[in-house]
Amino acid sequence: MSFDIALFLTQDGLTNGAIYALMALALVLVFAVTRVIFVPQGEFLAYGALTLASLEAGKLPGTIWLLLALGILAFLFDLPGLLRQRRARAALQSATWNLAVPLLIAALVYVMATEQTARPVQIALTCALVVPLGPLLYRVAYQPIADAPVLVLLIVSVALHFALSGLGLLLFGAEGVRTAPFSDASFTAGALVVSGQSLWVYACSVVLMALLYLFFDRTLYGKALRATAVNRIGARLSGISTVFAGRASFLLAASIGVFSGVLIAPITTIYYDTGFLVGLKGFVGAIIGGLISYPLAAAGALLVGLLESFASFYASAFKEVIVFTLIIPVLLWLSLRTHHDEEEE
């Protein structure tokens, strides 16, 4: 391998690794706060990219119907408890967030979908459509079983992945899509050519990670999520709502997933099931971080991207095997250095 080829492979690995790092951070966030291994995290990436592609093509994105359906389900899930407690104000809030807001978003997208709008407007509409799916999914699928064992939550996550994957096929079809790049510029450094879109991926990933750090370190809501991650019972006794923490973590995870889809869609062809494989590689990075450390998870995801890139050069037929085999020594190391305490069960 020549030095020039190594540079190309490193560039490709860092580009993919930046997306995997965002996936890993979202997975660590959700698991730390809710104990949910969020298998469908990659679906938000695919839904974000496919929704943006639909808006670019002047089509009505299928996620508009999914948003309305989940909003209705979430309101129906809230309704029995609200009727028993006769809380008119809470009922109004539930109707506003679960029915009125999704309907308003759907109406706005319906009006603007067929018009030629600017790229920032299309991205904003994509986020408005797909990001609310995160807390709505938490309300429908996870909040009723929030205190269930981790294995039960994992089984629900797997079932939810298959449901969202099938819905993706129904809503968007089997054809792959690419969106227009943010920038057509390219920069040359010796033999290395760096596209403007790759620079967008690097810059946006770094900025998003910095914003997450500031959110958790400097804001009251971020500290509340950190407290819930450390001790759910203690956080509840301190007045922190674990329901709010769960919805907030899913909102952030959905935002990260949609943003990742918007970034990666101009670089690679996105299909309805593309997100699953991307999410799995982010999960490998999260495992390297022990599902608790954000910096280690990001570093592990970058390692996954570099390993995948070089493996595709040396043994392209086995690159996925090589990447996922990385998880075995990490799990062995974690199991050897972790002391299990029966009283924690």
Protein backbone atom coordinates (compact mmCIF):
# COMPACT_ATOMS: atom_id res chain seq x y z
CA MET A 1 0.00 0.00 0.00
CA SER A 2 1.35 3.40 -0.97
CA PHE A 3 1.19 6.48 1.24
CA ASP A 4 -1.35 8.14 -1.09
CA ILE A 5 -3.72 5.17 -0.85
CA ALA A 6 -3.37 5.21 2.94
CA LEU A 7 -4.39 8.89 2.94
CA PHE A 8 -7.48 8.17 0.84
CA LEU A 9 -8.48 5.30 3.11
CA THR A 10 -7.93 7.43 6.21
CA GLN A 11 -10.09 10.21 4.80
CA ASP A 12 -12.88 7.76 3.99
CA GLY A 13 -12.58 6.14 7.42
CA LEU A 14 -12.76 9.47 9.24
CA THR A 15 -15.82 10.54 7.23
CA ASN A 16 -17.70 7.34 8.03
CA GLY A 17 -16.32 7.31 11.57
CA ALA A 18 -17.74 10.79 12.25
CA ILE A 19 -21.23 9.50 11.45
CA TYR A 20 -20.67 6.34 13.51
CA ALA A 21 -19.51 8.56 16.39
CA LEU A 22 -22.78 10.47 16.33
CA MET A 23 -24.70 7.18 16.34
CA ALA A 24 -22.58 5.92 19.25
CA LEU A 25 -23.20 9.10 21.28
CA ALA A 26 -26.97 8.77 20.74
CA LEU A 27 -26.92 5.12 21.81
CA VAL A 28 -24.92 5.87 24.95
CA LEU A 29 -27.25 8.75 25.80
CA VAL A 30 -30.41 6.66 25.50
CA PHE A 31 -28.97 3.67 27.37
CA ALA A 32 -27.54 5.76 30.21
CA VAL A 33 -30.85 7.51 30.86
CA THR A 34 -33.43 4.80 30.08
CA ARG A 35 -31.49 1.48 30.06
CA VAL A 36 -32.76 0.96 26.50
CA ILE A 37 -30.36 -0.41 23.87
CA PHE A 38 -32.00 1.58 21.10
CA VAL A 39 -31.64 -0.72 18.11
CA PRO A 40 -33.80 1.51 15.82
CA GLN A 41 -31.41 4.47 16.18
CA GLY A 42 -30.26 3.97 12.58
CA GLU A 43 -33.84 4.22 11.34
CA PHE A 44 -33.84 7.92 12.21
CA LEU A 45 -30.81 8.34 9.94
CA ALA A 46 -32.60 6.60 7.08
CA TYR A 47 -35.92 8.41 7.68
CA GLY A 48 -34.14 11.77 7.80
CA ALA A 49 -32.29 11.17 4.53
CA LEU A 50 -35.33 9.74 2.72
CA THR A 51 -37.61 12.53 3.95
CA LEU A 52 -35.16 15.17 2.74
CA ALA A 53 -34.88 13.39 -0.63
CA SER A 54 -38.69 13.38 -0.95
CA LEU A 55 -38.85 17.11 -0.24
CA GLU A 56 -36.09 17.77 -2.78
CA ALA A 57 -38.07 15.84 -5.38
CA GLY A 58 -41.23 17.84 -4.61
CA LYS A 59 -43.01 14.80 -3.15
CA LEU A 60 -45.00 14.49 0.05
CA PRO A 61 -42.83 12.42 2.44
CA GLY A 62 -44.43 9.33 3.94
CA THR A 63 -43.24 10.24 7.43
CA ILE A 64 -46.09 12.76 7.62
CA TRP A 65 -48.57 9.89 8.09
CA LEU A 66 -46.34 8.12 10.61
CA LEU A 67 -46.09 11.30 12.69
CA LEU A 68 -49.88 11.71 12.76
CA ALA A 69 -50.47 8.04 13.60
CA LEU A 70 -47.96 8.03 16.48
CA GLY A 71 -49.43 11.29 17.83
CA ILE A 72 -52.90 9.76 17.93
CA LEU A 73 -51.55 6.60 19.59
CA ALA A 74 -49.67 8.61 22.21
CA PHE A 75 -52.83 10.59 23.05
CA LEU A 76 -54.86 7.39 23.35
CA PHE A 77 -52.19 5.97 25.68
CA ASP A 78 -52.48 9.09 27.88
CA LEU A 79 -56.27 9.26 27.83
CA PRO A 80 -57.22 6.50 30.36
CA GLY A 81 -54.97 7.93 33.08
CA LEU A 82 -56.16 11.46 32.40
CA LEU A 83 -59.81 10.40 32.64
CA ARG A 84 -59.22 8.57 35.92
CA GLN A 85 -57.43 11.53 37.49
CA ARG A 86 -59.74 14.14 35.90
CA ARG A 87 -56.85 16.44 35.09
CA ALA A 88 -58.21 18.86 32.50
CA ARG A 89 -54.97 20.83 32.19
CA ALA A 90 -52.89 17.69 31.63
CA ALA A 91 -55.43 16.49 29.05
CA LEU A 92 -55.12 19.80 27.21
CA GLN A 93 -51.31 19.55 27.23
CA SER A 94 -51.44 15.97 25.93
CA ALA A 95 -53.85 16.94 23.16
CA THR A 96 -51.65 19.91 22.24
CA TRP A 97 -48.36 18.01 22.02
CA ASN A 98 -49.70 14.73 20.61
CA LEU A 99 -52.44 15.96 18.29
CA ALA A 100 -52.27 19.69 17.57
CA VAL A 101 -48.50 20.02 17.08
CA PRO A 102 -48.14 16.99 14.74
CA LEU A 103 -51.19 18.19 12.79
CA LEU A 104 -49.69 21.66 12.47
CA ILE A 105 -46.35 20.23 11.28
CA ALA A 106 -48.12 17.93 8.82
CA ALA A 107 -50.18 20.81 7.43
CA LEU A 108 -47.08 22.98 7.01
CA VAL A 109 -45.20 20.20 5.20
CA TYR A 110 -48.26 19.41 3.05
CA VAL A 111 -48.43 23.02 1.88
CA MET A 112 -44.69 23.44 1.25
CA ALA A 113 -43.76 19.94 0.00
CA THR A 114 -44.55 20.59 -3.66
CA GLU A 115 -42.97 24.06 -3.71
CA GLN A 116 -39.34 24.76 -4.57
CA THR A 117 -37.95 25.81 -1.22
CA ALA A 118 -34.40 26.58 -0.15
CA ARG A 119 -32.17 23.83 1.25
CA PRO A 120 -32.26 25.18 4.87
CA VAL A 121 -36.07 25.18 4.75
CA GLN A 122 -36.12 21.58 3.50
CA ILE A 123 -33.77 20.51 6.29
CA ALA A 124 -35.92 22.34 8.86
CA LEU A 125 -39.06 20.60 7.56
CA THR A 126 -37.27 17.25 7.68
CA CYS A 127 -36.27 17.80 11.31
CA ALA A 128 -39.79 18.98 12.19
CA LEU A 129 -41.26 15.80 10.69
CA VAL A 130 -38.85 13.13 11.92
CA VAL A 131 -37.42 14.37 15.24
CA PRO A 132 -40.79 14.28 17.10
CA LEU A 133 -41.00 10.56 16.29
CA GLY A 134 -38.39 9.96 19.00
CA PRO A 135 -40.39 11.05 22.08
CA LEU A 136 -43.59 9.67 20.54
CA LEU A 137 -41.97 6.24 20.16
CA TYR A 138 -40.79 6.44 23.76
CA ARG A 139 -44.33 7.20 24.92
CA VAL A 140 -45.91 4.39 22.94
CA ALA A 141 -43.28 1.64 23.16
CA TYR A 142 -41.10 2.23 26.22
CA GLN A 143 -42.80 4.40 28.83
CA PRO A 144 -45.40 1.74 29.74
CA ILE A 145 -42.58 -0.74 30.49
CA ALA A 146 -39.93 1.69 31.73
CA ASP A 147 -39.17 -0.42 34.83
CA ALA A 148 -38.92 -3.72 32.93
CA PRO A 149 -35.62 -5.66 32.81
CA VAL A 150 -33.04 -4.64 30.23
CA LEU A 151 -33.64 -7.85 28.25
CA VAL A 152 -37.33 -7.02 27.83
CA LEU A 153 -36.47 -3.50 26.68
CA LEU A 154 -33.99 -4.98 24.19
CA ILE A 155 -36.62 -7.33 22.77
CA VAL A 156 -39.00 -4.38 22.33
CA SER A 157 -36.20 -2.46 20.57
CA VAL A 158 -35.61 -5.31 18.13
CA ALA A 159 -39.34 -5.57 17.40
CA LEU A 160 -39.51 -1.80 16.92
CA HIS A 161 -36.59 -1.95 14.48
CA PHE A 162 -38.39 -4.48 12.31
CA ALA A 163 -41.60 -2.45 12.45
CA LEU A 164 -39.85 0.80 11.46
CA SER A 165 -37.85 -0.94 8.75
CA GLY A 166 -41.02 -2.40 7.25
CA LEU A 167 -42.75 0.97 7.47
CA GLY A 168 -39.75 2.55 5.75
CA LEU A 169 -40.22 0.16 2.82
CA LEU A 170 -43.94 0.95 2.73
CA LEU A 171 -43.54 4.73 2.99
CA PHE A 172 -40.50 5.27 0.76
CA GLY A 173 -40.19 2.19 -1.44
CA ALA A 174 -37.13 0.06 -2.12
CA GLU A 175 -35.25 2.55 -4.32
CA GLY A 176 -32.12 4.19 -2.99
CA VAL A 177 -31.73 7.97 -2.99
CA ARG A 178 -29.05 10.61 -2.77
CA THR A 179 -29.54 14.25 -1.97
CA ALA A 180 -27.72 17.22 -3.43
CA PRO A 181 -24.43 18.04 -1.64
CA PHE A 182 -24.20 21.07 0.60
CA SER A 183 -21.16 22.20 -1.36
CA ASP A 184 -19.67 21.29 -4.75
CA ALA A 185 -16.25 22.59 -3.72
CA SER A 186 -13.18 20.36 -3.49
CA PHE A 187 -9.79 20.98 -1.97
CA THR A 188 -6.48 19.41 -2.94
CA ALA A 189 -3.67 18.67 -0.51
CA GLY A 190 -0.96 16.84 -2.43
CA ALA A 191 -2.50 13.67 -3.81
CA LEU A 192 -5.47 13.94 -1.47
CA VAL A 193 -8.73 15.50 -2.72
CA VAL A 194 -11.19 16.48 0.01
CA SER A 195 -14.77 17.24 -1.02
CA GLY A 196 -16.72 20.09 0.48
CA GLN A 197 -19.37 17.64 1.72
CA SER A 198 -16.74 15.71 3.71
CA LEU A 199 -15.68 18.96 5.37
CA TRP A 200 -19.32 19.62 6.22
CA VAL A 201 -19.51 16.19 7.87
CA TYR A 202 -16.35 16.83 9.92
CA ALA A 203 -17.35 20.34 10.96
CA CYS A 204 -20.96 19.54 11.81
CA SER A 205 -19.97 16.42 13.77
CA VAL A 206 -17.45 18.37 15.86
CA VAL A 207 -19.93 21.21 16.47
CA LEU A 208 -22.69 18.79 17.45
CA MET A 209 -20.39 16.95 19.88
CA ALA A 210 -19.35 20.29 21.40
CA LEU A 211 -23.00 21.31 21.78
CA LEU A 212 -23.80 18.02 23.49
CA TYR A 213 -20.90 18.58 25.89
CA LEU A 214 -22.13 22.09 26.71
CA PHE A 215 -25.70 20.83 27.11
CA PHE A 216 -24.75 18.16 29.63
CA ASP A 217 -22.16 20.23 31.45
CA ARG A 218 -23.70 23.72 31.56
CA THR A 219 -27.50 23.46 31.37
CA LEU A 220 -30.03 22.48 34.03
CA TYR A 221 -31.82 20.00 31.76
CA GLY A 222 -28.50 18.37 30.81
CA LYS A 223 -27.56 17.97 34.47
CA ALA A 224 -30.99 16.47 35.12
CA LEU A 225 -30.37 13.86 32.42
CA ARG A 226 -26.93 13.13 33.88
CA ALA A 227 -28.47 12.70 37.33
CA THR A 228 -31.06 10.29 35.93
CA ALA A 229 -28.29 8.31 34.22
CA VAL A 230 -26.32 8.01 37.48
CA ASN A 231 -29.24 7.08 39.76
CA ARG A 232 -32.84 6.90 38.52
CA ILE A 233 -34.33 6.50 42.01
CA GLY A 234 -32.23 9.31 43.47
CA ALA A 235 -33.17 11.58 40.57
CA ARG A 236 -36.85 10.81 41.11
CA LEU A 237 -36.54 11.58 44.84
CA SER A 238 -34.87 14.87 43.91
CA GLY A 239 -37.87 15.90 41.85
CA ILE A 240 -36.51 14.98 38.40
CA SER A 241 -39.16 13.30 36.26
CA THR A 242 -37.84 10.08 34.75
CA VAL A 243 -40.61 10.31 32.14
CA PHE A 244 -39.33 13.72 31.08
CA ALA A 245 -35.75 12.41 31.09
CA GLY A 246 -36.74 9.49 28.87
CA ARG A 247 -38.57 11.66 26.36
CA ALA A 248 -35.75 14.21 26.33
CA SER A 249 -33.12 11.52 25.68
CA PHE A 250 -35.17 10.10 22.79
CA LEU A 251 -35.67 13.61 21.42
CA LEU A 252 -31.91 14.21 21.43
CA ALA A 253 -31.21 10.76 19.94
CA ALA A 254 -33.74 11.36 17.16
CA SER A 255 -32.21 14.78 16.45
CA ILE A 256 -28.74 13.25 16.17
CA GLY A 257 -30.02 10.49 13.89
CA VAL A 258 -31.88 12.85 11.55
CA PHE A 259 -28.93 15.24 11.41
CA SER A 260 -26.61 12.33 10.59
CA GLY A 261 -28.92 11.25 7.78
CA VAL A 262 -28.96 14.76 6.32
CA LEU A 263 -25.14 14.84 6.42
CA ILE A 264 -24.50 11.41 4.92
CA ALA A 265 -27.23 11.40 2.23
CA PRO A 266 -25.14 13.35 -0.34
CA ILE A 267 -22.18 10.98 0.15
CA THR A 268 -23.78 7.54 -0.10
CA THR A 269 -26.98 6.04 -1.45
CA ILE A 270 -29.56 5.61 1.31
CA TYR A 271 -32.14 2.82 1.29
CA TYR A 272 -34.98 2.19 3.72
CA ASP A 273 -32.81 -0.31 5.64
CA THR A 274 -29.44 1.46 5.41
CA GLY A 275 -29.70 2.86 8.92
CA PHE A 276 -29.58 -0.54 10.60
CA LEU A 277 -26.02 -1.30 9.51
CA VAL A 278 -24.85 2.23 10.31
CA GLY A 279 -26.47 2.00 13.73
CA LEU A 280 -24.80 -1.37 14.40
CA LYS A 281 -21.38 0.11 13.66
CA GLY A 282 -22.19 2.98 15.98
CA PHE A 283 -23.17 0.36 18.57
CA VAL A 284 -19.72 -1.22 18.29
CA GLY A 285 -18.24 2.18 19.09
CA ALA A 286 -20.65 2.56 22.02
CA ILE A 287 -19.61 -0.85 23.35
CA ILE A 288 -15.96 0.22 23.24
CA GLY A 289 -17.04 3.07 25.52
CA GLY A 290 -18.78 0.59 27.81
CA LEU A 291 -22.14 2.24 26.98
CA ILE A 292 -21.27 4.89 29.59
CA SER A 293 -18.36 6.99 28.29
CA TYR A 294 -19.11 9.55 25.57
CA PRO A 295 -15.44 10.28 24.65
CA LEU A 296 -14.54 6.58 24.48
CA ALA A 297 -17.65 5.85 22.43
CA ALA A 298 -16.74 8.58 19.92
CA ALA A 299 -13.13 7.38 19.76
CA GLY A 300 -14.29 3.78 19.33
CA ALA A 301 -16.61 4.80 16.49
CA LEU A 302 -13.74 6.57 14.71
CA LEU A 303 -11.70 3.40 15.14
CA VAL A 304 -14.55 1.42 13.57
CA GLY A 305 -14.62 3.77 10.59
CA LEU A 306 -10.86 3.51 10.04
CA LEU A 307 -10.89 -0.27 10.47
CA GLU A 308 -13.74 -0.61 7.97
CA SER A 309 -11.94 1.57 5.44
CA PHE A 310 -8.65 -0.33 5.57
CA ALA A 311 -10.44 -3.70 5.73
CA SER A 312 -12.29 -2.84 2.50
CA PHE A 313 -8.90 -2.41 0.82
CA TYR A 314 -7.27 -5.59 2.10
CA ALA A 315 -10.30 -7.90 2.29
CA SER A 316 -13.44 -6.19 1.02
CA ALA A 317 -15.50 -9.38 1.17
CA PHE A 318 -14.85 -9.69 4.91
CA LYS A 319 -14.88 -6.04 5.99
CA GLU A 320 -18.16 -6.36 7.92
CA VAL A 321 -16.89 -9.50 9.66
CA ILE A 322 -13.68 -7.74 10.64
CA VAL A 323 -15.55 -4.70 12.00
CA PHE A 324 -18.02 -6.67 14.09
CA THR A 325 -15.34 -9.07 15.33
CA LEU A 326 -13.82 -6.05 17.08
CA ILE A 327 -16.61 -6.26 19.64
CA ILE A 328 -15.47 -9.68 20.93
CA PRO A 329 -12.16 -8.70 22.61
CA VAL A 330 -13.81 -5.55 23.97
CA LEU A 331 -16.60 -7.58 25.60
CA LEU A 332 -14.08 -10.05 26.98
CA TRP A 333 -12.05 -7.22 28.50
CA LEU A 334 -15.15 -5.58 29.99
CA SER A 335 -16.35 -8.87 31.46
CA LEU A 336 -12.96 -9.56 33.07
CA ARG A 337 -12.65 -6.15 34.69
CA THR A 338 -16.29 -5.89 35.86
CA HIS A 339 -17.22 -7.46 39.20
CA HIS A 340 -20.85 -8.61 39.28
CA ASP A 341 -22.76 -7.96 42.49
CA GLU A 342 -25.88 -10.02 43.07
CA GLU A 343 -27.32 -7.30 45.32
CA GLU A 344 -27.54 -5.00 42.29
CA GLU A 345 -30.14 -7.25 40.66
